[in-house]
């Protein structure tokens, strides 16, 4: 299988639609040796800002000398953007080789009378196999849809659960109230993990807190008073961030908008609390 054939194979599986649930991805990864169980994941859910929060966390980790696997969606120009190591796209030949291996496992599943994995399940599996083989130090893992039944939630544990801003989205699938949507998003919280959240609506924060308490998690929420914005213009933004025992001054980001300052602060807060 070459690169073109791999992409055609992956895209062709869109005919199986989108399927929430963990049985299919679980069986596929089991056939692949469960590579996800060997990875240290920072799992990122939410409605808005997942991508930029993932990028900020990845950049900070890379600047600290770590090898970082990054799984995001969708891509802008090229499919390979969805799976990166240190912000370099997965090479074409490696993508093709892993896809060929996964195709064999998918065929085994069909022969056993199981559903064929969906496109997103296949892409998720490719990412886990690639990151395991590259022996990355951390994986920044972005949820595809919702959280509780998203394929990325096949991981049994993570080192941090991060929530960007949660708002109304996919109400036909996740629910027609903020509480219902937050419940689906909160499903990525793992037993005893660190949970860090963007400032949320009261009803969303209540759901996240309740799930954190239920799973003995350590819940933190970003506070506006911990951020001091110094400037915002076409060149980017400069701000200070204050954690309980840390004060970081003159942080500069190139992205525009107050929400990006909050997303970068969310990344900083997450990594400070992981130290």
Protein backbone atom coordinates (compact mmCIF):
# COMPACT_ATOMS: atom_id res chain seq x y z
CA UNK A 1 0.00 0.00 0.00
CA UNK A 2 1.40 3.39 -0.99
CA UNK A 3 0.41 6.78 0.41
CA UNK A 4 -2.31 7.46 -2.17
CA UNK A 5 -3.85 4.05 -1.57
CA UNK A 6 -3.73 4.59 2.19
CA UNK A 7 -5.61 7.88 1.99
CA UNK A 8 -8.17 6.35 -0.37
CA UNK A 9 -8.67 3.45 2.03
CA UNK A 10 -9.13 5.75 5.04
CA UNK A 11 -11.53 8.08 3.24
CA UNK A 12 -13.52 5.19 1.79
CA UNK A 13 -14.46 4.10 5.30
CA UNK A 14 -16.53 7.27 5.65
CA UNK A 15 -19.28 5.09 4.19
CA UNK A 16 -19.57 3.50 7.63
CA UNK A 17 -20.53 6.89 9.04
CA UNK A 18 -19.76 8.19 12.51
CA UNK A 19 -20.25 5.75 15.35
CA UNK A 20 -19.94 6.78 18.98
CA UNK A 21 -18.80 4.02 21.29
CA UNK A 22 -15.61 2.25 22.31
CA UNK A 23 -16.19 -1.40 21.38
CA UNK A 24 -14.92 -1.18 17.81
CA UNK A 25 -11.84 0.95 18.51
CA UNK A 26 -11.15 -1.22 21.55
CA UNK A 27 -11.14 -4.42 19.47
CA UNK A 28 -8.98 -2.83 16.76
CA UNK A 29 -6.39 -1.59 19.25
CA UNK A 30 -6.39 -4.93 21.03
CA UNK A 31 -5.43 -6.60 17.74
CA UNK A 32 -2.66 -4.01 17.41
CA UNK A 33 -1.25 -4.75 20.89
CA UNK A 34 -2.93 -1.83 22.68
CA UNK A 35 -0.29 0.82 21.92
CA UNK A 36 -2.36 3.48 23.69
CA UNK A 37 -1.66 1.86 27.05
CA UNK A 38 2.03 2.72 26.77
CA UNK A 39 1.49 6.45 26.22
CA UNK A 40 1.34 9.44 28.58
CA UNK A 41 -1.65 11.37 27.31
CA UNK A 42 -2.90 14.89 27.96
CA UNK A 43 -6.52 14.59 26.84
CA UNK A 44 -8.19 17.78 25.60
CA UNK A 45 -11.94 18.20 25.26
CA UNK A 46 -14.28 21.13 24.84
CA UNK A 47 -16.19 23.00 22.17
CA UNK A 48 -14.05 25.98 21.18
CA UNK A 49 -10.28 26.34 21.48
CA UNK A 50 -9.22 22.70 21.60
CA UNK A 51 -6.83 23.15 18.70
CA UNK A 52 -5.04 26.24 19.99
CA UNK A 53 -4.88 24.83 23.53
CA UNK A 54 -3.31 21.66 22.11
CA UNK A 55 -0.82 23.74 20.16
CA UNK A 56 0.18 25.81 23.20
CA UNK A 57 0.67 22.73 25.39
CA UNK A 58 2.68 21.00 22.68
CA UNK A 59 4.90 24.03 22.12
CA UNK A 60 5.70 24.42 25.81
CA UNK A 61 6.57 20.72 26.14
CA UNK A 62 8.75 20.84 23.03
CA UNK A 63 10.58 23.93 24.31
CA UNK A 64 11.24 21.95 27.48
CA UNK A 65 13.01 19.28 25.43
CA UNK A 66 10.31 16.61 25.20
CA UNK A 67 9.20 14.63 22.15
CA UNK A 68 5.49 15.24 21.72
CA UNK A 69 2.88 13.37 19.74
CA UNK A 70 -0.04 15.54 18.64
CA UNK A 71 -3.42 14.24 17.48
CA UNK A 72 -5.85 16.88 16.22
CA UNK A 73 -8.76 17.27 13.81
CA UNK A 74 -9.61 18.36 11.24
CA UNK A 75 -6.66 19.19 8.99
CA UNK A 76 -6.23 22.43 7.02
CA UNK A 77 -4.23 21.50 3.92
CA UNK A 78 -3.09 17.89 4.15
CA UNK A 79 -4.34 14.79 5.95
CA UNK A 80 -0.98 14.14 7.65
CA UNK A 81 -1.44 17.29 9.76
CA UNK A 82 -3.78 15.32 12.01
CA UNK A 83 -0.94 13.16 13.34
CA UNK A 84 2.31 14.90 14.22
CA UNK A 85 5.49 14.40 16.19
CA UNK A 86 6.98 17.66 17.40
CA UNK A 87 4.67 19.49 14.98
CA UNK A 88 6.08 17.59 12.00
CA UNK A 89 3.48 15.66 10.01
CA UNK A 90 3.60 11.88 9.99
CA UNK A 91 5.70 10.86 6.95
CA UNK A 92 3.81 9.50 3.94
CA UNK A 93 5.57 6.13 3.93
CA UNK A 94 5.00 5.53 7.64
CA UNK A 95 1.33 6.48 7.33
CA UNK A 96 0.99 4.02 4.45
CA UNK A 97 2.75 1.20 6.32
CA UNK A 98 0.67 1.60 9.47
CA UNK A 99 -2.55 1.90 7.48
CA UNK A 100 -1.72 -1.35 5.68
CA UNK A 101 -1.27 -3.10 9.02
CA UNK A 102 -4.52 -1.66 10.33
CA UNK A 103 -6.37 -2.76 7.18
CA UNK A 104 -5.34 -6.34 7.96
CA UNK A 105 -6.73 -6.04 11.50
CA UNK A 106 -9.96 -4.49 10.21
CA UNK A 107 -10.39 -7.47 7.87
CA UNK A 108 -9.95 -9.83 10.83
CA UNK A 109 -12.70 -7.97 12.67
CA UNK A 110 -15.08 -8.26 9.72
CA UNK A 111 -14.29 -11.98 9.40
CA UNK A 112 -15.29 -12.34 13.06
CA UNK A 113 -18.65 -10.73 12.28
CA UNK A 114 -17.81 -7.39 13.88
CA UNK A 115 -18.49 -3.94 12.47
CA UNK A 116 -15.77 -2.46 10.27
CA UNK A 117 -14.03 0.44 12.08
CA UNK A 118 -15.02 3.92 10.96
CA UNK A 119 -12.69 6.47 9.40
CA UNK A 120 -12.12 8.25 12.72
CA UNK A 121 -11.46 4.98 14.53
CA UNK A 122 -8.85 4.06 11.92
CA UNK A 123 -7.17 7.46 12.15
CA UNK A 124 -7.12 7.25 15.95
CA UNK A 125 -5.50 3.82 15.76
CA UNK A 126 -2.88 5.07 13.29
CA UNK A 127 -1.98 7.85 15.71
CA UNK A 128 -1.59 5.54 18.70
CA UNK A 129 0.56 3.08 16.76
CA UNK A 130 2.76 5.87 15.39
CA UNK A 131 3.26 7.56 18.76
CA UNK A 132 4.12 4.26 20.43
CA UNK A 133 6.68 3.38 17.75
CA UNK A 134 8.21 6.85 17.93
CA UNK A 135 8.45 6.47 21.72
CA UNK A 136 7.22 10.02 22.36
CA UNK A 137 7.38 11.40 25.88
CA UNK A 138 3.85 12.83 25.82
CA UNK A 139 0.78 12.71 23.60
CA UNK A 140 -1.49 15.73 23.31
CA UNK A 141 -4.74 14.02 22.38
CA UNK A 142 -7.64 16.08 21.08
CA UNK A 143 -11.17 14.70 21.37
CA UNK A 144 -13.02 14.32 18.08
CA UNK A 145 -16.69 14.59 19.10
CA UNK A 146 -18.10 14.87 22.59
CA UNK A 147 -15.85 12.85 24.83
CA UNK A 148 -17.49 10.02 26.74
CA UNK A 149 -17.97 7.81 23.66
CA UNK A 150 -15.31 9.35 21.43
CA UNK A 151 -12.67 6.97 20.07
CA UNK A 152 -9.88 8.84 21.83
CA UNK A 153 -11.49 7.95 25.15
CA UNK A 154 -10.34 4.37 24.77
CA UNK A 155 -7.34 5.35 26.90
CA UNK A 156 -7.71 3.95 30.41
CA UNK A 157 -5.73 6.70 32.10
CA UNK A 158 -4.14 10.05 31.37
CA UNK A 159 -1.81 12.43 33.13
CA UNK A 160 -4.17 15.38 32.64
CA UNK A 161 -7.67 16.13 31.40
CA UNK A 162 -8.01 19.62 29.93
CA UNK A 163 -11.23 21.38 29.00
CA UNK A 164 -11.33 24.34 26.68
CA UNK A 165 -14.50 26.43 26.54
CA UNK A 166 -17.64 24.25 26.50
CA UNK A 167 -20.66 25.56 24.65
CA UNK A 168 -23.67 24.27 22.73
CA UNK A 169 -22.53 21.96 19.92
CA UNK A 170 -23.78 18.83 18.17
CA UNK A 171 -27.02 19.04 20.15
CA UNK A 172 -28.54 16.25 18.05
CA UNK A 173 -25.86 13.89 19.40
CA UNK A 174 -24.67 15.30 22.72
CA UNK A 175 -27.89 16.79 24.10
CA UNK A 176 -29.90 20.00 23.98
CA UNK A 177 -28.72 21.61 27.22
CA UNK A 178 -25.33 22.74 28.50
CA UNK A 179 -25.59 20.22 31.33
CA UNK A 180 -26.11 17.31 28.94
CA UNK A 181 -23.27 18.44 26.70
CA UNK A 182 -20.97 18.95 29.68
CA UNK A 183 -21.83 15.43 30.88
CA UNK A 184 -20.64 13.99 27.57
CA UNK A 185 -17.48 16.12 27.61
CA UNK A 186 -16.76 15.19 31.24
CA UNK A 187 -16.63 11.53 30.25
CA UNK A 188 -12.91 11.85 29.46
CA UNK A 189 -12.06 12.48 33.13
CA UNK A 190 -10.10 9.55 34.51
CA UNK A 191 -9.77 8.16 38.02
CA UNK A 192 -7.39 10.23 40.14
CA UNK A 193 -6.28 12.48 37.29
CA UNK A 194 -5.48 16.17 37.10
CA UNK A 195 -8.36 18.17 35.61
CA UNK A 196 -7.84 21.73 34.38
CA UNK A 197 -10.60 23.84 32.87
CA UNK A 198 -11.10 27.08 31.00
CA UNK A 199 -13.56 29.42 32.78
CA UNK A 200 -17.00 27.87 32.19
CA UNK A 201 -20.66 28.68 32.60
CA UNK A 202 -21.85 27.79 36.10
CA UNK A 203 -23.84 24.76 34.98
CA UNK A 204 -20.87 23.41 33.04
CA UNK A 205 -18.43 23.92 35.90
CA UNK A 206 -20.82 22.10 38.26
CA UNK A 207 -20.90 19.04 36.01
CA UNK A 208 -17.11 18.97 35.60
CA UNK A 209 -16.59 19.37 39.35
CA UNK A 210 -19.07 16.62 40.18
CA UNK A 211 -17.41 14.16 37.79
CA UNK A 212 -13.98 15.10 39.18
CA UNK A 213 -15.11 14.46 42.74
CA UNK A 214 -16.73 11.17 41.71
CA UNK A 215 -13.43 9.99 40.20
CA UNK A 216 -11.17 11.40 42.94
CA UNK A 217 -9.67 13.91 40.54
CA UNK A 218 -7.81 17.12 41.29
CA UNK A 219 -9.92 19.89 39.76
CA UNK A 220 -8.54 23.32 38.81
CA UNK A 221 -10.26 26.09 36.91
CA UNK A 222 -8.60 29.05 35.25
CA UNK A 223 -9.53 32.39 36.84
CA UNK A 224 -9.70 35.71 35.04
CA UNK A 225 -8.02 37.46 37.96
CA UNK A 226 -4.89 35.34 37.44
CA UNK A 227 -4.36 36.91 34.01
CA UNK A 228 -3.20 40.47 33.42
CA UNK A 229 -3.41 41.56 29.80
CA UNK A 230 -0.79 44.18 28.95
CA UNK A 231 -1.27 44.62 25.22
CA UNK A 232 -3.16 43.23 22.22
CA UNK A 233 -2.45 44.39 18.67
CA UNK A 234 -1.77 43.04 15.19
CA UNK A 235 1.62 41.71 16.36
CA UNK A 236 0.05 39.52 19.04
CA UNK A 237 -0.58 39.76 22.76
CA UNK A 238 1.48 40.23 25.92
CA UNK A 239 0.20 39.24 29.35
CA UNK A 240 1.21 38.14 32.84
CA UNK A 241 0.00 34.90 34.42
CA UNK A 242 -0.10 34.29 38.18
CA UNK A 243 -0.43 30.84 39.69
CA UNK A 244 -0.53 30.35 43.46
CA UNK A 245 3.24 30.15 43.83
CA UNK A 246 4.29 31.23 40.34
CA UNK A 247 4.23 34.59 38.59
CA UNK A 248 5.21 34.64 34.92
CA UNK A 249 5.58 38.05 33.33
CA UNK A 250 5.50 39.34 29.76
CA UNK A 251 4.29 36.19 28.07
CA UNK A 252 4.01 36.86 24.35
CA UNK A 253 1.84 34.96 21.89
CA UNK A 254 1.40 35.67 18.20
CA UNK A 255 -2.27 34.72 18.09
CA UNK A 256 -4.87 37.47 18.41
CA UNK A 257 -7.86 37.71 20.71
CA UNK A 258 -8.52 37.58 24.43
CA UNK A 259 -9.73 33.98 24.08
CA UNK A 260 -6.24 32.99 22.85
CA UNK A 261 -4.70 34.54 25.95
CA UNK A 262 -7.03 32.38 27.99
CA UNK A 263 -6.21 29.28 25.93
CA UNK A 264 -2.48 29.82 26.40
CA UNK A 265 -3.00 30.45 30.11
CA UNK A 266 -4.94 27.19 30.29
CA UNK A 267 -1.92 25.43 28.78
CA UNK A 268 0.42 27.10 31.27
CA UNK A 269 -1.82 26.24 34.22
CA UNK A 270 -2.01 22.61 33.11
CA UNK A 271 1.75 22.17 32.85
CA UNK A 272 2.48 24.03 36.09
CA UNK A 273 0.17 21.64 37.91
CA UNK A 274 1.83 18.65 36.26
CA UNK A 275 5.25 19.58 37.63
